[in-house]
Amino acid sequence: MKTERIPGQRRYDQRRGSRKGAADAVTKALLGAILIVLLVILVVVLWPHGEKQNTQRGPSGGNTPIAKPGEKVPRPSEAPAPPLTVGSPDRIRDVLQEGKTYEVITTAEITAPARDKQWGFQRTIHVAYRAEMRMRRTIEKNDGHRVVELRHILEAAAVKVASQVEVRFVPTEPGSLLLGALVALLDATVTGGGASQLAPAVIQGICVGYQAGTEYLLDQANTKVTAAVDSLKGKKVRITFVDGQGVVELEPVDCELTEEERDLLMASAVVTDAYLLPDMKSQPGDVWDVDGRAFSDFLPPSWRGTPRGKVSIRREKDFQENGERYALLRCYSGSITVDATDSSRTRLASLTPRGELKYNITKGHIESAKLQATGTMEEASRDHLLFETRFETSPEVRLTYHCTIINTP
């Protein structure tokens, strides 16, 4: 049956159709806008700003502040056992003299073939890693049993170079720093505890590439450079140490402390030199064993690790230099393992340190040390730059230490 159209209905249908079309267009526009907003949010959340990398420090985090400025932090019950008791007030007073400030510079280098996430784990590349730390230790009190130290971390940074060609940092003597210019660049771009990718040009002069025995140009096609500033950089902490108990209290000065930072500082040996040379009456040729925990302040702070094990030391010889008396000590046997300072006790490395320590008898402290080590890097889960690096062979490890007194009472 044919339906008759009421006069005016056509115009109504046209108007209704136009309104429906307009409504559909508005709905589509709104949906499109919502999708765009969601996409922007995802990009903002997931995309690394300014090429910064994930700043997470491993499986347990630990970046949340647990201590405010001036808040005293006691030794937690789960802290690792401290080194053995020195038991000699005279030795403790001699190695950390009240009123003096000691400036300490430590470096650590690792070189080895590895598989790295930046290049894809399916291929082997070459890795050169260097960490540097400079701190000042002012000894406020020392009665031979209890030591109060104000520790100021002036510099703490690390650089990893991952390349298709063999790479090595320029060799340096104890007390020499290579990363000064990089640290200044990082200070302007990365907050403490963060990491950032840098152009290979920034390592010219401090890192060299080799291929077929000759120097090779490092560029963006064959090399990736990542650098990080440790969150401890710039922080001051008052440390209270008791012989036989280790660090018993921390007090951040004008700064906050995270759980990881607390754990690292709690593991400090503090009176390291008294452990390394326990008896000043020993003679050249004498040997003794040193608890691996005594080497805690030789390791990069970014490792957040506690050394364990035993190293044998021999007093090689005594000599004079520039009017001062010295004892040359040699690490000749033993090994240490480095465990991360979280509840899982993740293994970081096993090392066999060998080398010399130069003890200044006149001034009463280790003046310099050069240690080489081979071993395994099992899971570097606490260091940003080594977090996703799998070493193919036993890496070469080189540690240096340098200490000087910069003032007298």
Protein backbone atom coordinates (compact mmCIF):
# COMPACT_ATOMS: atom_id res chain seq x y z
CA MET A 1 0.00 0.00 0.00
CA LYS A 2 1.40 3.37 -0.96
CA THR A 3 1.98 5.72 1.91
CA GLU A 4 1.05 9.32 1.36
CA ARG A 5 3.56 11.91 2.54
CA ILE A 6 2.07 14.60 4.71
CA PRO A 7 2.87 18.07 3.43
CA GLY A 8 5.93 19.50 5.19
CA GLN A 9 7.19 16.06 6.30
CA ARG A 10 9.97 16.05 3.73
CA ARG A 11 11.38 19.29 5.10
CA TYR A 12 11.10 17.82 8.65
CA ASP A 13 12.91 14.63 7.63
CA GLN A 14 15.63 16.66 5.99
CA ARG A 15 16.05 18.77 9.11
CA ARG A 16 16.06 15.64 11.33
CA GLY A 17 18.61 13.99 9.04
CA SER A 18 20.84 17.06 9.15
CA ARG A 19 20.62 17.19 12.97
CA LYS A 20 21.40 13.47 13.18
CA GLY A 21 24.37 13.89 10.83
CA ALA A 22 25.62 16.83 12.86
CA ALA A 23 25.23 14.84 16.10
CA ASP A 24 27.15 11.92 14.59
CA ALA A 25 29.93 14.27 13.52
CA VAL A 26 30.14 15.79 17.00
CA THR A 27 30.22 12.32 18.60
CA LYS A 28 32.99 11.19 16.27
CA ALA A 29 34.95 14.37 16.97
CA LEU A 30 34.61 13.86 20.73
CA LEU A 31 35.71 10.22 20.48
CA GLY A 32 38.67 11.25 18.36
CA ALA A 33 39.65 13.93 20.87
CA ILE A 34 39.40 11.43 23.75
CA LEU A 35 41.63 8.97 21.88
CA ILE A 36 44.18 11.69 21.20
CA VAL A 37 44.22 12.70 24.88
CA LEU A 38 44.68 9.07 25.95
CA LEU A 39 47.52 8.68 23.47
CA VAL A 40 49.22 11.82 24.78
CA ILE A 41 48.89 10.56 28.36
CA LEU A 42 50.45 7.22 27.41
CA VAL A 43 53.34 8.96 25.67
CA VAL A 44 53.95 11.24 28.65
CA VAL A 45 53.89 8.35 31.11
CA LEU A 46 55.88 5.81 29.13
CA TRP A 47 58.32 7.83 27.02
CA PRO A 48 61.73 8.59 28.68
CA HIS A 49 62.02 12.36 29.03
CA GLY A 50 65.15 13.86 27.56
CA GLU A 51 66.53 10.34 26.87
CA LYS A 52 66.73 9.66 30.58
CA GLN A 53 66.57 6.02 31.50
CA ASN A 54 64.48 4.27 34.11
CA THR A 55 65.79 5.34 37.51
CA GLN A 56 64.55 2.29 39.36
CA ARG A 57 67.34 0.71 41.41
CA GLY A 58 66.56 -2.95 41.11
CA PRO A 59 63.90 -5.26 42.43
CA SER A 60 63.20 -3.64 45.77
CA GLY A 61 63.30 0.05 44.87
CA GLY A 62 64.54 1.86 47.95
CA ASN A 63 64.35 5.44 46.66
CA THR A 64 61.76 6.67 49.16
CA PRO A 65 63.28 8.95 51.86
CA ILE A 66 63.28 7.33 55.30
CA ALA A 67 65.17 10.03 57.22
CA LYS A 68 64.74 13.80 57.25
CA PRO A 69 67.49 16.38 57.89
CA GLY A 70 68.75 16.09 61.47
CA GLU A 71 66.85 12.87 62.14
CA LYS A 72 69.01 10.24 63.84
CA VAL A 73 68.81 6.80 62.26
CA PRO A 74 69.80 3.78 64.41
CA ARG A 75 71.37 0.63 63.00
CA PRO A 76 68.56 -1.65 61.79
CA SER A 77 68.37 -5.15 63.19
CA GLU A 78 68.66 -6.66 59.70
CA ALA A 79 71.92 -4.81 58.89
CA PRO A 80 74.86 -7.01 57.84
CA ALA A 81 77.31 -7.96 60.58
CA PRO A 82 80.09 -5.37 61.02
CA PRO A 83 83.79 -6.18 60.55
CA LEU A 84 85.58 -7.81 63.46
CA THR A 85 86.60 -5.77 66.50
CA VAL A 86 89.86 -3.84 66.13
CA GLY A 87 90.41 -3.94 69.88
CA SER A 88 93.21 -1.35 69.83
CA PRO A 89 92.23 2.21 70.84
CA ASP A 90 95.65 3.49 69.76
CA ARG A 91 95.22 2.11 66.21
CA ILE A 92 91.73 3.59 65.89
CA ARG A 93 92.95 7.00 67.12
CA ASP A 94 95.94 6.86 64.76
CA VAL A 95 94.09 6.09 61.52
CA LEU A 96 91.33 8.70 62.04
CA GLN A 97 92.78 11.58 64.01
CA GLU A 98 90.31 13.83 65.77
CA GLY A 99 89.93 17.26 64.19
CA LYS A 100 91.45 16.29 60.84
CA THR A 101 89.71 16.12 57.47
CA TYR A 102 90.61 13.35 55.05
CA GLU A 103 89.84 13.63 51.35
CA VAL A 104 89.30 10.24 49.71
CA ILE A 105 89.08 9.50 45.98
CA THR A 106 88.11 6.05 44.74
CA THR A 107 87.69 4.73 41.21
CA ALA A 108 86.48 1.42 39.79
CA GLU A 109 86.78 0.18 36.22
CA ILE A 110 85.31 -2.89 34.54
CA THR A 111 86.14 -4.01 31.00
CA ALA A 112 84.86 -7.16 29.29
CA PRO A 113 82.86 -8.54 26.37
CA ALA A 114 79.18 -8.56 27.28
CA ARG A 115 75.61 -8.74 26.09
CA ASP A 116 73.77 -5.52 26.76
CA LYS A 117 70.13 -4.50 26.39
CA GLN A 118 71.06 -1.34 24.47
CA TRP A 119 72.48 -3.47 21.65
CA GLY A 120 70.12 -6.41 22.06
CA PHE A 121 71.09 -9.44 24.08
CA GLN A 122 71.59 -11.53 20.94
CA ARG A 123 74.96 -9.95 20.08
CA THR A 124 78.23 -9.56 21.95
CA ILE A 125 79.69 -6.08 22.35
CA HIS A 126 82.48 -4.54 24.45
CA VAL A 127 81.78 -2.72 27.71
CA ALA A 128 83.98 -0.27 29.60
CA TYR A 129 82.60 1.02 32.90
CA ARG A 130 84.12 3.59 35.25
CA ALA A 131 82.80 4.88 38.56
CA GLU A 132 84.36 7.71 40.57
CA MET A 133 83.75 9.05 44.05
CA ARG A 134 85.32 11.92 46.01
CA MET A 135 84.42 12.56 49.63
CA ARG A 136 85.68 14.44 52.68
CA ARG A 137 85.69 12.86 56.12
CA THR A 138 85.97 15.23 59.08
CA ILE A 139 86.65 13.39 62.34
CA GLU A 140 84.68 15.25 65.00
CA LYS A 141 85.34 12.80 67.85
CA ASN A 142 87.53 9.73 68.35
CA ASP A 143 88.26 8.21 71.76
CA GLY A 144 89.68 4.97 70.37
CA HIS A 145 86.38 3.14 70.68
CA ARG A 146 83.71 5.51 69.38
CA VAL A 147 84.24 7.62 66.25
CA VAL A 148 81.99 10.44 65.03
CA GLU A 149 82.64 11.41 61.42
CA LEU A 150 81.00 14.04 59.20
CA ARG A 151 81.09 12.57 55.70
CA HIS A 152 80.50 14.81 52.68
CA ILE A 153 80.08 13.07 49.30
CA LEU A 154 81.40 15.70 46.89
CA GLU A 155 81.27 13.68 43.68
CA ALA A 156 79.78 10.30 42.76
CA ALA A 157 79.19 9.35 39.14
CA ALA A 158 79.63 6.49 36.69
CA VAL A 159 79.87 6.05 32.92
CA LYS A 160 79.29 2.96 30.80
CA VAL A 161 80.58 2.76 27.22
CA ALA A 162 79.09 -0.08 25.15
CA SER A 163 80.69 -0.44 21.73
CA GLN A 164 81.10 -2.75 18.76
CA VAL A 165 84.86 -2.22 19.06
CA GLU A 166 87.10 -2.86 22.05
CA VAL A 167 87.01 0.13 24.43
CA ARG A 168 89.08 1.11 27.45
CA PHE A 169 89.37 4.17 29.65
CA VAL A 170 92.68 5.99 29.74
CA PRO A 171 94.75 4.55 32.64
CA THR A 172 94.99 6.82 35.69
CA GLU A 173 96.94 6.81 38.92
CA PRO A 174 95.22 6.82 42.34
CA GLY A 175 93.73 10.23 43.07
CA SER A 176 93.04 11.10 39.41
CA LEU A 177 89.50 11.77 38.17
CA LEU A 178 88.40 11.50 34.53
CA LEU A 179 84.70 12.29 34.67
CA GLY A 180 84.77 15.93 35.80
CA ALA A 181 83.42 17.43 32.57
CA LEU A 182 80.80 14.70 32.27
CA VAL A 183 79.67 15.26 35.85
CA ALA A 184 79.18 18.97 35.13
CA LEU A 185 77.10 18.06 32.07
CA LEU A 186 75.04 15.56 34.05
CA ASP A 187 74.45 18.04 36.86
CA ALA A 188 72.60 20.22 34.36
CA THR A 189 70.47 17.41 32.93
CA VAL A 190 70.05 14.57 35.43
CA THR A 191 68.91 14.53 39.03
CA GLY A 192 70.78 12.43 41.58
CA GLY A 193 70.15 8.75 41.02
CA GLY A 194 69.15 9.21 37.38
CA ALA A 195 70.88 8.12 34.18
CA SER A 196 71.13 9.66 30.73
CA GLN A 197 72.44 8.80 27.27
CA LEU A 198 75.26 10.98 25.98
CA ALA A 199 76.91 11.43 22.60
CA PRO A 200 80.17 9.48 22.13
CA ALA A 201 81.95 12.78 21.48
CA VAL A 202 81.86 13.58 25.22
CA ILE A 203 84.25 10.72 26.05
CA GLN A 204 86.94 11.76 23.57
CA GLY A 205 90.25 11.92 25.39
CA ILE A 206 89.18 9.70 28.28
CA CYS A 207 88.08 6.52 26.48
CA VAL A 208 89.78 4.91 23.50
CA GLY A 209 88.46 2.37 20.99
CA TYR A 210 90.64 -0.31 19.42
CA GLN A 211 90.19 -2.53 16.39
CA ALA A 212 92.88 -4.83 14.98
CA GLY A 213 95.32 -3.33 17.47
CA THR A 214 94.92 0.27 16.30
CA GLU A 215 92.91 3.16 17.69
CA TYR A 216 89.42 3.40 16.29
CA LEU A 217 87.01 6.31 16.12
CA LEU A 218 84.03 6.00 18.46
CA ASP A 219 80.82 7.41 17.00
CA GLN A 220 77.07 7.07 17.33
CA ALA A 221 77.01 4.22 14.84
CA ASN A 222 79.25 1.92 16.85
CA THR A 223 79.13 3.23 20.43
CA LYS A 224 76.55 4.08 23.09
CA VAL A 225 77.45 6.09 26.20
CA THR A 226 75.34 6.13 29.37
CA ALA A 227 76.18 8.12 32.48
CA ALA A 228 74.66 8.43 35.94
CA VAL A 229 74.99 10.65 38.99
CA ASP A 230 74.64 8.84 42.30
CA SER A 231 71.88 10.09 44.59
CA LEU A 232 74.44 10.49 47.40
CA LYS A 233 76.28 13.24 45.53
CA GLY A 234 76.31 16.45 47.53
CA LYS A 235 74.96 14.87 50.71
CA LYS A 236 76.45 15.22 54.20
CA VAL A 237 75.92 12.55 56.82
CA ARG A 238 77.17 12.35 60.40
CA ILE A 239 78.29 8.76 61.05
CA THR A 240 78.77 7.27 64.51
CA PHE A 241 80.93 4.14 64.64
CA VAL A 242 81.61 1.90 67.63
CA ASP A 243 84.39 -0.69 67.53
CA GLY A 244 82.87 -4.16 67.39
CA GLN A 245 79.40 -2.84 66.53
CA GLY A 246 80.08 -1.03 63.28
CA VAL A 247 78.07 2.05 62.30
CA VAL A 248 75.45 2.47 65.02
CA GLU A 249 73.86 5.78 63.96
CA LEU A 250 73.45 8.05 60.96
CA GLU A 251 72.32 11.68 60.93
CA PRO A 252 71.68 13.34 57.56
CA VAL A 253 72.77 16.98 57.58
CA ASP A 254 70.63 19.32 55.43
CA CYS A 255 69.49 16.37 53.30
CA GLU A 256 67.31 13.27 53.32
CA LEU A 257 68.38 9.62 53.22
CA THR A 258 66.74 6.78 51.35
CA GLU A 259 66.69 3.20 52.55
CA GLU A 260 69.40 2.22 50.06
CA GLU A 261 71.63 5.10 51.10
CA ARG A 262 71.16 4.18 54.75
CA ASP A 263 72.08 0.55 54.08
CA LEU A 264 75.20 1.53 52.15
CA LEU A 265 76.45 3.90 54.86
CA MET A 266 75.65 1.39 57.60
CA ALA A 267 77.96 -1.08 55.81
CA SER A 268 80.91 1.37 55.86
CA ALA A 269 84.01 -0.04 57.57
CA VAL A 270 84.93 3.52 58.76
CA VAL A 271 88.26 2.47 60.38
CA THR A 272 89.34 0.64 57.21
CA ASP A 273 93.06 1.32 57.68
CA ALA A 274 93.10 -0.29 61.13
CA TYR A 275 91.72 -3.49 59.60
CA LEU A 276 94.18 -3.47 56.69
CA LEU A 277 97.21 -2.93 58.97
CA PRO A 278 96.08 -4.08 62.43
CA ASP A 279 99.50 -4.16 64.11
CA MET A 280 102.07 -1.43 63.57
CA LYS A 281 104.68 -3.69 65.21
CA SER A 282 104.42 -6.21 62.37
CA GLN A 283 107.56 -6.62 60.27
CA PRO A 284 108.23 -6.98 56.53
CA GLY A 285 107.36 -10.54 55.58
CA ASP A 286 104.54 -10.88 58.12
CA VAL A 287 101.13 -11.95 56.78
CA TRP A 288 97.56 -11.75 58.10
CA ASP A 289 93.97 -12.17 56.95
CA VAL A 290 91.54 -9.27 56.54
CA ASP A 291 87.76 -9.56 56.66
CA GLY A 292 86.27 -8.74 53.24
CA ARG A 293 83.91 -6.22 54.87
CA ALA A 294 86.95 -3.99 55.47
CA PHE A 295 86.99 -3.25 51.71
CA SER A 296 83.49 -1.71 51.67
CA ASP A 297 84.78 1.85 51.15
CA PHE A 298 86.89 0.74 48.17
CA LEU A 299 83.77 -0.11 46.13
CA PRO A 300 81.67 2.33 44.06
CA PRO A 301 78.68 3.62 46.05
CA SER A 302 76.42 2.92 43.05
CA TRP A 303 76.92 -0.82 43.57
CA ARG A 304 75.07 -0.56 46.89
CA GLY A 305 76.95 -3.71 47.88
CA THR A 306 78.43 -5.30 50.99
CA PRO A 307 81.71 -7.24 50.50
CA ARG A 308 82.23 -10.55 52.26
CA GLY A 309 85.03 -13.07 52.34
CA LYS A 310 88.71 -12.93 53.27
CA VAL A 311 91.83 -11.41 51.73
CA SER A 312 95.40 -12.21 52.80
CA ILE A 313 97.84 -9.31 53.13
CA ARG A 314 101.62 -9.36 53.38
CA ARG A 315 103.83 -6.52 54.62
CA GLU A 316 106.26 -6.40 51.71
CA LYS A 317 108.73 -3.75 52.79
CA ASP A 318 109.21 -0.47 54.63
CA PHE A 319 110.76 2.54 52.91
CA GLN A 320 111.11 6.31 53.04
CA GLU A 321 109.83 8.82 50.51
CA ASN A 322 109.90 12.63 50.70
CA GLY A 323 111.00 12.44 54.32
CA GLU A 324 108.07 10.22 55.38
CA ARG A 325 108.03 6.55 56.37
CA TYR A 326 105.88 4.01 54.52
CA ALA A 327 104.90 0.35 54.64
CA LEU A 328 104.08 -1.39 51.37
CA LEU A 329 101.27 -3.91 51.81
CA ARG A 330 100.28 -6.50 49.22
CA CYS A 331 96.98 -8.33 48.74
CA TYR A 332 98.23 -11.71 47.53
CA SER A 333 95.48 -14.24 48.19
CA GLY A 334 91.79 -14.65 48.94
CA SER A 335 88.56 -13.37 47.42
CA ILE A 336 85.49 -11.32 48.24
CA THR A 337 81.89 -11.46 47.10
CA VAL A 338 79.71 -8.38 46.84
CA ASP A 339 76.05 -8.72 47.78
CA ALA A 340 73.39 -6.09 47.20
CA THR A 341 72.10 -4.44 50.35
CA ASP A 342 68.46 -5.38 50.03
CA SER A 343 66.41 -8.11 51.65
CA SER A 344 67.04 -10.53 48.78
CA ARG A 345 70.86 -10.31 49.19
CA THR A 346 71.29 -10.46 45.42
CA ARG A 347 74.82 -11.44 44.37
CA LEU A 348 76.58 -8.68 42.45
CA ALA A 349 80.14 -9.91 41.96
CA SER A 350 82.90 -12.25 43.07
CA LEU A 351 86.38 -10.72 42.96
CA THR A 352 89.95 -11.77 43.68
CA PRO A 353 91.71 -8.47 44.51
CA ARG A 354 95.48 -8.39 44.01
CA GLY A 355 97.79 -5.42 44.29
CA GLU A 356 99.52 -2.91 46.53
CA LEU A 357 98.47 -0.59 49.34
CA LYS A 358 100.80 2.19 50.38
CA TYR A 359 100.50 2.94 54.10
CA ASN A 360 101.92 6.26 55.33
CA ILE A 361 103.38 5.41 58.73
CA THR A 362 104.23 9.03 59.45
CA LYS A 363 100.66 10.27 58.94
CA GLY A 364 98.85 7.10 60.00
CA HIS A 365 96.68 6.14 57.02
CA ILE A 366 96.55 4.31 53.69
CA GLU A 367 97.74 6.91 51.20
CA SER A 368 97.05 5.02 47.98
CA ALA A 369 96.09 1.63 46.60
CA LYS A 370 96.00 -0.04 43.21
CA LEU A 371 94.12 -3.32 43.03
CA GLN A 372 93.39 -5.52 40.04
CA ALA A 373 90.81 -8.27 40.16
CA THR A 374 89.27 -10.95 38.04
CA GLY A 375 86.05 -12.68 38.84
CA THR A 376 82.42 -12.80 37.87
CA MET A 377 79.70 -10.19 37.62
CA GLU A 378 76.67 -12.34 38.29
CA GLU A 379 73.77 -9.91 38.49
CA ALA A 380 74.42 -6.19 38.77
CA SER A 381 70.89 -5.45 39.87
CA ARG A 382 71.72 -2.46 42.07
CA ASP A 383 73.65 -0.30 39.59
CA HIS A 384 71.69 1.58 36.91
CA LEU A 385 74.38 1.27 34.27
CA LEU A 386 75.13 -2.42 34.83
CA PHE A 387 71.54 -3.46 35.50
CA GLU A 388 71.00 -5.11 32.12
CA THR A 389 74.56 -6.09 31.18
CA ARG A 390 75.47 -9.77 30.97
CA PHE A 391 79.23 -10.37 30.97
CA GLU A 392 80.44 -13.10 28.61
CA THR A 393 83.78 -13.73 30.36
CA SER A 394 85.41 -12.86 33.65
CA PRO A 395 85.70 -9.06 33.53
CA GLU A 396 88.86 -7.18 34.34
CA VAL A 397 88.31 -5.00 37.40
CA ARG A 398 90.63 -2.22 38.54
CA LEU A 399 90.17 -0.35 41.82
CA THR A 400 92.15 2.68 42.98
CA TYR A 401 92.10 4.51 46.29
CA HIS A 402 93.77 7.74 47.37
CA CYS A 403 93.62 9.60 50.68
CA THR A 404 95.21 12.83 51.84
CA ILE A 405 94.84 15.00 54.94
CA ILE A 406 93.69 18.46 53.84
CA ASN A 407 93.86 20.17 57.24
CA THR A 408 95.32 19.76 60.71
CA PRO A 409 93.80 20.78 64.07
